[in-house]
Amino acid sequence: MSANCPECDAEITLTKPMRGEIIVCPDCGVELEVTNENPLALELAPQEEEDWGE
């Protein structure tokens, strides 16, 4: 299964995608989250918030 990176439009192929899986685009290096398995859909992974102990 393949989908395009939403950041750089590179084609990314995954053999066994799992919803919620975080992958890295081999072209631009951005972290992507698998949001759907069939058809394969990728979105930018949510950035983790820093915890400053507040």
N, C-alpha and C. Protein backbone atom coordinates (compact mmCIF):
# COMPACT_ATOMS: atom_id res chain seq x y z
N MET A 1 0.84 -1.17 0.00
CA MET A 1 0.00 0.00 0.00
C MET A 1 0.88 1.23 0.00
N SER A 2 0.43 2.26 -0.69
CA SER A 2 1.23 3.48 -0.73
C SER A 2 0.34 4.71 -0.61
N ALA A 3 0.96 5.77 -0.13
CA ALA A 3 0.31 7.08 0.00
C ALA A 3 1.40 8.13 -0.16
N ASN A 4 0.99 9.36 -0.32
CA ASN A 4 1.95 10.44 -0.48
C ASN A 4 2.14 11.20 0.82
N CYS A 5 3.36 11.63 1.06
CA CYS A 5 3.68 12.44 2.23
C CYS A 5 2.95 13.78 2.11
N PRO A 6 2.20 14.19 3.15
CA PRO A 6 1.49 15.46 3.08
C PRO A 6 2.42 16.67 3.12
N GLU A 7 3.69 16.47 3.48
CA GLU A 7 4.65 17.57 3.56
C GLU A 7 5.39 17.79 2.24
N CYS A 8 5.93 16.70 1.65
CA CYS A 8 6.76 16.86 0.45
C CYS A 8 6.22 16.11 -0.77
N ASP A 9 5.11 15.39 -0.61
CA ASP A 9 4.44 14.67 -1.68
C ASP A 9 5.21 13.45 -2.19
N ALA A 10 6.19 12.98 -1.43
CA ALA A 10 6.92 11.77 -1.81
C ALA A 10 6.01 10.56 -1.62
N GLU A 11 6.16 9.56 -2.48
CA GLU A 11 5.37 8.35 -2.35
C GLU A 11 6.00 7.46 -1.28
N ILE A 12 5.18 7.02 -0.33
CA ILE A 12 5.63 6.17 0.75
C ILE A 12 4.87 4.86 0.67
N THR A 13 5.60 3.74 0.67
CA THR A 13 4.98 2.42 0.58
C THR A 13 5.20 1.68 1.89
N LEU A 14 4.12 1.14 2.44
CA LEU A 14 4.18 0.34 3.66
C LEU A 14 3.56 -1.02 3.38
N THR A 15 4.18 -2.08 3.89
CA THR A 15 3.65 -3.41 3.65
C THR A 15 2.54 -3.78 4.63
N LYS A 16 2.72 -3.45 5.91
CA LYS A 16 1.70 -3.76 6.92
C LYS A 16 1.45 -2.54 7.79
N PRO A 17 0.76 -1.53 7.27
CA PRO A 17 0.51 -0.33 8.07
C PRO A 17 -0.45 -0.62 9.22
N MET A 18 -0.25 0.05 10.34
CA MET A 18 -1.13 -0.06 11.49
C MET A 18 -1.60 1.33 11.89
N ARG A 19 -2.90 1.50 12.08
CA ARG A 19 -3.44 2.80 12.48
C ARG A 19 -2.75 3.26 13.76
N GLY A 20 -2.33 4.52 13.78
CA GLY A 20 -1.64 5.08 14.94
C GLY A 20 -0.13 4.94 14.87
N GLU A 21 0.38 4.16 13.92
CA GLU A 21 1.82 3.97 13.77
C GLU A 21 2.47 5.28 13.33
N ILE A 22 3.64 5.57 13.88
CA ILE A 22 4.40 6.76 13.50
C ILE A 22 5.55 6.29 12.62
N ILE A 23 5.66 6.91 11.44
CA ILE A 23 6.74 6.60 10.52
C ILE A 23 7.46 7.89 10.16
N VAL A 24 8.61 7.77 9.54
CA VAL A 24 9.39 8.93 9.12
C VAL A 24 9.47 8.92 7.61
N CYS A 25 9.17 10.05 6.98
CA CYS A 25 9.27 10.16 5.53
C CYS A 25 10.73 10.03 5.13
N PRO A 26 11.05 9.11 4.21
CA PRO A 26 12.45 8.93 3.80
C PRO A 26 13.00 10.12 3.00
N ASP A 27 12.12 10.95 2.43
CA ASP A 27 12.59 12.09 1.64
C ASP A 27 12.82 13.34 2.48
N CYS A 28 11.81 13.74 3.28
CA CYS A 28 11.94 15.01 4.00
C CYS A 28 12.19 14.84 5.50
N GLY A 29 12.01 13.60 6.03
CA GLY A 29 12.32 13.34 7.43
C GLY A 29 11.24 13.71 8.43
N VAL A 30 10.07 14.17 7.95
CA VAL A 30 9.00 14.55 8.86
C VAL A 30 8.33 13.30 9.42
N GLU A 31 7.84 13.38 10.67
CA GLU A 31 7.14 12.25 11.28
C GLU A 31 5.69 12.26 10.82
N LEU A 32 5.22 11.08 10.43
CA LEU A 32 3.86 10.93 9.93
C LEU A 32 3.13 9.87 10.73
N GLU A 33 1.82 10.05 10.88
CA GLU A 33 0.99 9.08 11.56
C GLU A 33 0.08 8.40 10.55
N VAL A 34 -0.03 7.07 10.64
CA VAL A 34 -0.96 6.32 9.80
C VAL A 34 -2.36 6.55 10.39
N THR A 35 -3.22 7.23 9.64
CA THR A 35 -4.57 7.52 10.12
C THR A 35 -5.62 6.57 9.55
N ASN A 36 -5.27 5.83 8.51
CA ASN A 36 -6.17 4.83 7.94
C ASN A 36 -5.32 3.77 7.26
N GLU A 37 -5.76 2.52 7.35
CA GLU A 37 -4.96 1.43 6.79
C GLU A 37 -5.36 1.07 5.37
N ASN A 38 -6.65 1.12 5.06
CA ASN A 38 -7.09 0.72 3.72
C ASN A 38 -8.26 1.58 3.29
N PRO A 39 -8.07 2.57 2.44
CA PRO A 39 -6.79 2.92 1.78
C PRO A 39 -5.84 3.60 2.76
N LEU A 40 -4.56 3.46 2.48
CA LEU A 40 -3.53 4.05 3.33
C LEU A 40 -3.66 5.56 3.34
N ALA A 41 -3.69 6.16 4.54
CA ALA A 41 -3.75 7.61 4.69
C ALA A 41 -2.72 8.03 5.73
N LEU A 42 -1.97 9.08 5.41
CA LEU A 42 -0.93 9.59 6.30
C LEU A 42 -1.20 11.05 6.61
N GLU A 43 -0.95 11.45 7.86
CA GLU A 43 -1.05 12.85 8.26
C GLU A 43 0.17 13.18 9.10
N LEU A 44 0.46 14.47 9.22
CA LEU A 44 1.58 14.88 10.06
C LEU A 44 1.32 14.41 11.49
N ALA A 45 2.33 13.83 12.10
CA ALA A 45 2.18 13.33 13.47
C ALA A 45 2.05 14.50 14.43
N PRO A 46 1.20 14.37 15.44
CA PRO A 46 1.07 15.46 16.42
C PRO A 46 2.37 15.64 17.18
N GLN A 47 2.73 16.89 17.40
CA GLN A 47 3.95 17.18 18.15
C GLN A 47 3.67 17.00 19.64
N GLU A 48 4.62 16.37 20.34
CA GLU A 48 4.46 16.19 21.78
C GLU A 48 4.72 17.52 22.46
N GLU A 49 3.86 17.83 23.42
CA GLU A 49 4.03 19.05 24.21
C GLU A 49 5.08 18.80 25.28
N GLU A 50 5.90 19.81 25.54
CA GLU A 50 6.89 19.67 26.60
C GLU A 50 6.22 19.89 27.94
N ASP A 51 6.60 19.10 28.92
CA ASP A 51 6.06 19.23 30.25
C ASP A 51 7.10 19.96 31.11
N TRP A 52 6.79 21.18 31.45
CA TRP A 52 7.72 21.98 32.23
C TRP A 52 7.44 21.85 33.73
N GLY A 53 6.69 20.81 34.13
CA GLY A 53 6.41 20.59 35.54
C GLY A 53 5.35 21.52 36.09
N GLU A 54 4.51 22.04 35.22
CA GLU A 54 3.48 22.98 35.67
C GLU A 54 2.27 22.24 36.19
